[in-house]
PDB file of N, CA and C in Angstrom:
ATOM      1  N   MET A   1       7.474   8.965  -7.214  1.00  0.00           N
ATOM      2  CA  MET A   1       7.072   8.130  -6.086  1.00  0.00           C
ATOM      3  C   MET A   1       5.609   7.681  -6.320  1.00  0.00           C
ATOM      4  N   LYS A   2       5.348   6.531  -6.301  1.00  0.00           N
ATOM      5  CA  LYS A   2       3.979   5.958  -6.397  1.00  0.00           C
ATOM      6  C   LYS A   2       3.237   5.281  -5.247  1.00  0.00           C
ATOM      7  N   THR A   3       2.138   5.138  -5.221  1.00  0.00           N
ATOM      8  CA  THR A   3       1.148   4.689  -4.191  1.00  0.00           C
ATOM      9  C   THR A   3       0.831   3.335  -4.559  1.00  0.00           C
ATOM     10  N   TYR A   4       1.168   2.214  -3.763  1.00  0.00           N
ATOM     11  CA  TYR A   4       0.896   0.836  -4.031  1.00  0.00           C
ATOM     12  C   TYR A   4      -0.139   0.285  -2.956  1.00  0.00           C
ATOM     13  N   VAL A   5      -0.974  -0.405  -3.438  1.00  0.00           N
ATOM     14  CA  VAL A   5      -2.090  -1.137  -2.554  1.00  0.00           C
ATOM     15  C   VAL A   5      -1.853  -2.546  -2.717  1.00  0.00           C
ATOM     16  N   MET A   6      -1.745  -3.384  -1.640  1.00  0.00           N
ATOM     17  CA  MET A   6      -1.650  -4.731  -1.692  1.00  0.00           C
ATOM     18  C   MET A   6      -2.789  -5.383  -0.987  1.00  0.00           C
ATOM     19  N   ASN A   7      -3.498  -6.369  -1.729  1.00  0.00           N
ATOM     20  CA  ASN A   7      -4.639  -7.122  -1.121  1.00  0.00           C
ATOM     21  C   ASN A   7      -4.140  -8.298  -0.387  1.00  0.00           C
ATOM     22  N   TYR A   8      -4.644  -8.380   0.897  1.00  0.00           N
ATOM     23  CA  TYR A   8      -4.349  -9.539   1.784  1.00  0.00           C
ATOM     24  C   TYR A   8      -5.639 -10.324   2.321  1.00  0.00           C
ATOM     25  N   GLY A   9      -6.592 -10.383   1.342  1.00  0.00           N
ATOM     26  CA  GLY A   9      -7.796 -11.029   1.509  1.00  0.00           C
ATOM     27  C   GLY A   9      -8.893 -10.127   2.178  1.00  0.00           C
ATOM     28  N   ARG A  10      -8.781 -10.152   3.487  1.00  0.00           N
ATOM     29  CA  ARG A  10      -9.913  -9.368   4.331  1.00  0.00           C
ATOM     30  C   ARG A  10      -9.330  -7.956   4.526  1.00  0.00           C
ATOM     31  N   PHE A  11      -8.091  -7.709   4.381  1.00  0.00           N
ATOM     32  CA  PHE A  11      -7.658  -6.320   4.442  1.00  0.00           C
ATOM     33  C   PHE A  11      -6.632  -5.920   3.415  1.00  0.00           C
ATOM     34  N   GLU A  12      -6.391  -4.640   3.300  1.00  0.00           N
ATOM     35  CA  GLU A  12      -5.316  -4.098   2.330  1.00  0.00           C
ATOM     36  C   GLU A  12      -4.422  -3.351   3.091  1.00  0.00           C
ATOM     37  N   ARG A  13      -3.302  -3.215   2.376  1.00  0.00           N
ATOM     38  CA  ARG A  13      -2.159  -2.265   2.961  1.00  0.00           C
ATOM     39  C   ARG A  13      -1.658  -1.433   1.846  1.00  0.00           C
ATOM     40  N   MET A  14      -1.202  -0.280   2.210  1.00  0.00           N
ATOM     41  CA  MET A  14      -0.910   0.753   1.243  1.00  0.00           C
ATOM     42  C   MET A  14       0.406   1.402   1.802  1.00  0.00           C
ATOM     43  N   VAL A  15       1.299   1.821   0.644  1.00  0.00           N
ATOM     44  CA  VAL A  15       2.572   2.450   1.020  1.00  0.00           C
ATOM     45  C   VAL A  15       2.842   3.290  -0.295  1.00  0.00           C
ATOM     46  N   ALA A  16       3.619   4.551  -0.013  1.00  0.00           N
ATOM     47  CA  ALA A  16       4.053   5.321  -0.994  1.00  0.00           C
ATOM     48  C   ALA A  16       5.594   4.895  -0.992  1.00  0.00           C
ATOM     49  N   ALA A  17       6.059   4.757  -2.122  1.00  0.00           N
ATOM     50  CA  ALA A  17       7.489   4.187  -2.295  1.00  0.00           C
ATOM     51  C   ALA A  17       7.900   4.707  -3.762  1.00  0.00           C
ATOM     52  N   LYS A  18       9.381   4.806  -3.749  1.00  0.00           N
ATOM     53  CA  LYS A  18       9.976   5.116  -4.974  1.00  0.00           C
ATOM     54  C   LYS A  18       9.778   3.965  -6.161  1.00  0.00           C
ATOM     55  N   THR A  19       9.971   2.893  -5.771  1.00  0.00           N
ATOM     56  CA  THR A  19      10.073   1.725  -6.555  1.00  0.00           C
ATOM     57  C   THR A  19       9.205   0.482  -6.095  1.00  0.00           C
ATOM     58  N   MET A  20       8.698  -0.507  -6.984  1.00  0.00           N
ATOM     59  CA  MET A  20       8.044  -1.766  -6.587  1.00  0.00           C
ATOM     60  C   MET A  20       8.924  -2.463  -5.488  1.00  0.00           C
ATOM     61  N   THR A  21      10.165  -2.375  -5.787  1.00  0.00           N
ATOM     62  CA  THR A  21      11.174  -3.275  -4.685  1.00  0.00           C
ATOM     63  C   THR A  21      11.124  -2.667  -3.505  1.00  0.00           C
ATOM     64  N   GLU A  22      11.244  -1.376  -3.359  1.00  0.00           N
ATOM     65  CA  GLU A  22      10.998  -0.615  -2.141  1.00  0.00           C
ATOM     66  C   GLU A  22       9.717  -0.919  -1.354  1.00  0.00           C
ATOM     67  N   ALA A  23       8.758  -0.905  -2.125  1.00  0.00           N
ATOM     68  CA  ALA A  23       7.289  -1.039  -1.619  1.00  0.00           C
ATOM     69  C   ALA A  23       7.302  -2.425  -1.060  1.00  0.00           C
ATOM     70  N   ALA A  24       7.738  -3.575  -1.742  1.00  0.00           N
ATOM     71  CA  ALA A  24       7.700  -4.840  -1.187  1.00  0.00           C
ATOM     72  C   ALA A  24       8.395  -5.036  -0.112  1.00  0.00           C
ATOM     73  N   GLU A  25       9.583  -4.372   0.018  1.00  0.00           N
ATOM     74  CA  GLU A  25      10.382  -4.636   1.233  1.00  0.00           C
ATOM     75  C   GLU A  25       9.764  -3.753   2.509  1.00  0.00           C
ATOM     76  N   LYS A  26       8.919  -2.765   2.199  1.00  0.00           N
ATOM     77  CA  LYS A  26       8.332  -1.989   3.276  1.00  0.00           C
ATOM     78  C   LYS A  26       7.174  -3.086   3.700  1.00  0.00           C
ATOM     79  N   LEU A  27       6.409  -3.596   2.781  1.00  0.00           N
ATOM     80  CA  LEU A  27       5.195  -4.478   3.023  1.00  0.00           C
ATOM     81  C   LEU A  27       5.574  -5.881   3.635  1.00  0.00           C
ATOM     82  N   ASP A  28       6.978  -6.048   3.543  1.00  0.00           N
ATOM     83  CA  ASP A  28       7.578  -7.305   3.973  1.00  0.00           C
ATOM     84  C   ASP A  28       7.091  -8.619   3.172  1.00  0.00           C
ATOM     85  N   VAL A  29       7.106  -8.445   1.916  1.00  0.00           N
ATOM     86  CA  VAL A  29       6.643  -9.499   1.028  1.00  0.00           C
ATOM     87  C   VAL A  29       7.679  -9.737  -0.071  1.00  0.00           C
ATOM     88  N   THR A  30       7.615 -10.812  -0.712  1.00  0.00           N
ATOM     89  CA  THR A  30       8.488 -11.195  -1.916  1.00  0.00           C
ATOM     90  C   THR A  30       8.042 -10.232  -3.096  1.00  0.00           C
ATOM     91  N   LEU A  31       8.974 -10.019  -4.030  1.00  0.00           N
ATOM     92  CA  LEU A  31       8.603  -9.440  -5.345  1.00  0.00           C
ATOM     93  C   LEU A  31       7.464 -10.092  -5.934  1.00  0.00           C
ATOM     94  N   TYR A  32       7.620 -11.493  -6.079  1.00  0.00           N
ATOM     95  CA  TYR A  32       6.547 -12.411  -6.496  1.00  0.00           C
ATOM     96  C   TYR A  32       5.268 -11.966  -5.961  1.00  0.00           C
ATOM     97  N   HIS A  33       5.044 -12.193  -4.617  1.00  0.00           N
ATOM     98  CA  HIS A  33       3.775 -11.804  -4.028  1.00  0.00           C
ATOM     99  C   HIS A  33       3.340 -10.317  -4.283  1.00  0.00           C
ATOM    100  N   PHE A  34       4.342  -9.519  -4.215  1.00  0.00           N
ATOM    101  CA  PHE A  34       3.811  -8.153  -4.735  1.00  0.00           C
ATOM    102  C   PHE A  34       3.267  -7.994  -6.023  1.00  0.00           C
ATOM    103  N   GLY A  35       4.026  -8.564  -7.074  1.00  0.00           N
ATOM    104  CA  GLY A  35       3.714  -8.554  -8.449  1.00  0.00           C
ATOM    105  C   GLY A  35       2.235  -9.207  -8.573  1.00  0.00           C
ATOM    106  N   ARG A  36       1.933 -10.202  -7.765  1.00  0.00           N
ATOM    107  CA  ARG A  36       0.533 -10.851  -7.840  1.00  0.00           C
ATOM    108  C   ARG A  36      -0.541 -10.216  -7.194  1.00  0.00           C
ATOM    109  N   TYR A  37      -0.268  -9.658  -6.224  1.00  0.00           N
ATOM    110  CA  TYR A  37      -1.257  -9.165  -5.338  1.00  0.00           C
ATOM    111  C   TYR A  37      -1.393  -7.640  -4.933  1.00  0.00           C
ATOM    112  N   ALA A  38      -0.419  -6.798  -5.579  1.00  0.00           N
ATOM    113  CA  ALA A  38      -0.421  -5.254  -5.362  1.00  0.00           C
ATOM    114  C   ALA A  38      -0.564  -4.681  -6.806  1.00  0.00           C
ATOM    115  N   THR A  39      -0.839  -3.447  -6.659  1.00  0.00           N
ATOM    116  CA  THR A  39      -0.869  -2.539  -7.807  1.00  0.00           C
ATOM    117  C   THR A  39      -0.723  -1.015  -7.538  1.00  0.00           C
ATOM    118  N   ALA A  40      -0.418  -0.303  -8.298  1.00  0.00           N
ATOM    119  CA  ALA A  40      -0.059   1.158  -8.064  1.00  0.00           C
ATOM    120  C   ALA A  40      -1.660   1.749  -8.295  1.00  0.00           C
ATOM    121  N   THR A  41      -2.075   2.440  -7.332  1.00  0.00           N
ATOM    122  CA  THR A  41      -3.334   3.035  -7.368  1.00  0.00           C
ATOM    123  C   THR A  41      -3.408   4.425  -8.000  1.00  0.00           C
ATOM    124  N   GLY A  42      -4.540   4.874  -8.693  1.00  0.00           N
ATOM    125  CA  GLY A  42      -4.858   6.104  -9.110  1.00  0.00           C
ATOM    126  C   GLY A  42      -5.840   6.865  -8.364  1.00  0.00           C
ATOM    127  N   ASN A  43      -6.168   6.291  -7.240  1.00  0.00           N
ATOM    128  CA  ASN A  43      -7.352   6.902  -6.404  1.00  0.00           C
ATOM    129  C   ASN A  43      -6.692   8.001  -5.696  1.00  0.00           C
ATOM    130  N   GLU A  44      -7.250   9.299  -5.962  1.00  0.00           N
ATOM    131  CA  GLU A  44      -6.738  10.537  -5.439  1.00  0.00           C
ATOM    132  C   GLU A  44      -6.605  10.393  -3.824  1.00  0.00           C
ATOM    133  N   GLN A  45      -7.774   9.988  -3.281  1.00  0.00           N
ATOM    134  CA  GLN A  45      -7.775  10.058  -1.814  1.00  0.00           C
ATOM    135  C   GLN A  45      -6.837   9.118  -1.132  1.00  0.00           C
ATOM    136  N   ASP A  46      -6.601   7.836  -1.787  1.00  0.00           N
ATOM    137  CA  ASP A  46      -5.575   7.022  -1.267  1.00  0.00           C
ATOM    138  C   ASP A  46      -4.261   7.597  -1.341  1.00  0.00           C
ATOM    139  N   ILE A  47      -3.861   8.211  -2.535  1.00  0.00           N
ATOM    140  CA  ILE A  47      -2.525   8.809  -2.808  1.00  0.00           C
ATOM    141  C   ILE A  47      -2.325   9.910  -1.739  1.00  0.00           C
ATOM    142  N   LYS A  48      -3.238  10.732  -1.518  1.00  0.00           N
ATOM    143  CA  LYS A  48      -3.169  11.799  -0.483  1.00  0.00           C
ATOM    144  C   LYS A  48      -2.932  11.264   0.842  1.00  0.00           C
ATOM    145  N   VAL A  49      -3.408  10.197   1.190  1.00  0.00           N
ATOM    146  CA  VAL A  49      -3.089   9.477   2.598  1.00  0.00           C
ATOM    147  C   VAL A  49      -1.767   8.987   2.599  1.00  0.00           C
ATOM    148  N   ALA A  50      -1.377   8.155   1.479  1.00  0.00           N
ATOM    149  CA  ALA A  50      -0.079   7.620   1.406  1.00  0.00           C
ATOM    150  C   ALA A  50       1.107   8.595   1.426  1.00  0.00           C
ATOM    151  N   MET A  51       0.812   9.606   0.564  1.00  0.00           N
ATOM    152  CA  MET A  51       1.803  10.671   0.364  1.00  0.00           C
ATOM    153  C   MET A  51       2.059  11.580   1.606  1.00  0.00           C
ATOM    154  N   SER A  52       1.187  11.559   2.685  1.00  0.00           N
ATOM    155  CA  SER A  52       1.176  12.232   3.622  1.00  0.00           C
ATOM    156  C   SER A  52       2.470  11.847   4.538  1.00  0.00           C
ATOM    157  N   GLU A  53       2.770  10.602   4.569  1.00  0.00           N
ATOM    158  CA  GLU A  53       3.896   9.789   5.246  1.00  0.00           C
ATOM    159  C   GLU A  53       4.451   8.838   4.371  1.00  0.00           C
ATOM    160  N   PRO A  54       5.362   9.107   3.318  1.00  0.00           N
ATOM    161  CA  PRO A  54       5.972   8.255   2.415  1.00  0.00           C
ATOM    162  C   PRO A  54       6.672   7.264   3.145  1.00  0.00           C
ATOM    163  N   GLY A  55       6.656   6.010   2.848  1.00  0.00           N
ATOM    164  CA  GLY A  55       7.200   4.864   3.411  1.00  0.00           C
ATOM    165  C   GLY A  55       6.472   4.328   4.761  1.00  0.00           C
ATOM    166  N   ALA A  56       5.432   4.972   5.153  1.00  0.00           N
ATOM    167  CA  ALA A  56       4.523   4.416   6.248  1.00  0.00           C
ATOM    168  C   ALA A  56       3.643   3.486   5.563  1.00  0.00           C
ATOM    169  N   ILE A  57       3.229   2.395   6.475  1.00  0.00           N
ATOM    170  CA  ILE A  57       2.309   1.484   6.040  1.00  0.00           C
ATOM    171  C   ILE A  57       0.910   1.919   6.625  1.00  0.00           C
ATOM    172  N   PHE A  58      -0.140   1.901   5.733  1.00  0.00           N
ATOM    173  CA  PHE A  58      -1.559   2.112   6.100  1.00  0.00           C
ATOM    174  C   PHE A  58      -2.325   0.923   5.796  1.00  0.00           C
ATOM    175  N   GLU A  59      -3.412   0.582   6.516  1.00  0.00           N
ATOM    176  CA  GLU A  59      -4.131  -0.536   6.423  1.00  0.00           C
ATOM    177  C   GLU A  59      -5.635  -0.312   6.694  1.00  0.00           C
ATOM    178  N   ARG A  60      -6.416  -1.073   5.894  1.00  0.00           N
ATOM    179  CA  ARG A  60      -7.886  -0.909   6.168  1.00  0.00           C
ATOM    180  C   ARG A  60      -8.601  -2.204   5.715  1.00  0.00           C
ATOM    181  N   MET A  61      -9.743  -2.571   6.273  1.00  0.00           N
ATOM    182  CA  MET A  61     -10.551  -3.534   5.825  1.00  0.00           C
ATOM    183  C   MET A  61     -10.917  -3.372   4.543  1.00  0.00           C
ATOM    184  N   THR A  62     -11.152  -4.478   3.682  1.00  0.00           N
ATOM    185  CA  THR A  62     -11.436  -4.381   2.336  1.00  0.00           C
ATOM    186  C   THR A  62     -12.840  -3.776   2.163  1.00  0.00           C
ATOM    187  N   ASP A  63     -13.584  -3.637   3.049  1.00  0.00           N
ATOM    188  CA  ASP A  63     -14.909  -3.126   2.987  1.00  0.00           C
ATOM    189  C   ASP A  63     -15.043  -1.704   3.528  1.00  0.00           C
ATOM    190  N   SER A  64     -13.844  -1.177   3.997  1.00  0.00           N
ATOM    191  CA  SER A  64     -13.828   0.180   4.496  1.00  0.00           C
ATOM    192  C   SER A  64     -13.129   1.208   3.573  1.00  0.00           C
ATOM    193  N   LYS A  65     -13.410   2.422   3.710  1.00  0.00           N
ATOM    194  CA  LYS A  65     -12.745   3.470   2.922  1.00  0.00           C
ATOM    195  C   LYS A  65     -11.671   4.191   3.681  1.00  0.00           C
ATOM    196  N   ASP A  66     -11.560   3.978   5.187  1.00  0.00           N
ATOM    197  CA  ASP A  66     -10.757   4.638   6.041  1.00  0.00           C
ATOM    198  C   ASP A  66      -9.498   3.853   6.248  1.00  0.00           C
ATOM    199  N   TRP A  67      -8.342   4.700   5.924  1.00  0.00           N
ATOM    200  CA  TRP A  67      -6.946   4.104   6.071  1.00  0.00           C
ATOM    201  C   TRP A  67      -6.590   4.423   7.420  1.00  0.00           C
ATOM    202  N   ARG A  68      -6.004   3.515   8.234  1.00  0.00           N
ATOM    203  CA  ARG A  68      -5.238   3.802   9.466  1.00  0.00           C
ATOM    204  C   ARG A  68      -3.693   3.512   9.357  1.00  0.00           C
ATOM    205  N   ARG A  69      -2.893   4.312   9.952  1.00  0.00           N
ATOM    206  CA  ARG A  69      -1.418   4.004  10.000  1.00  0.00           C
ATOM    207  C   ARG A  69      -1.234   2.756  10.758  1.00  0.00           C
ATOM    208  N   LYS A  70      -0.502   1.756  10.298  1.00  0.00           N
ATOM    209  CA  LYS A  70      -0.151   0.610  10.932  1.00  0.00           C
ATOM    210  C   LYS A  70       1.145   0.653  11.746  1.00  0.00           C
ATOM    211  N   THR A  71       1.004   0.242  12.885  1.00  0.00           N
ATOM    212  CA  THR A  71       2.191   0.583  13.910  1.00  0.00           C
ATOM    213  C   THR A  71       3.021  -0.772  14.210  1.00  0.00           C
TER     214      THR A  71
END
């Protein structure tokens, strides 16, 4: 399982998923957009948050370090 972060301009979304395809589906984007604007992260704090609830979407403003679960 990997943690993926996708940039949406003013905010970012993050999800822990088994594959890029699963992550794109969870984030509700095409694989094309996922490939252009998302990446697997190596940030230990981000991974810890995402792995606390695999499959859940987390969101933050790009200038913030605090992730919130998206409802």
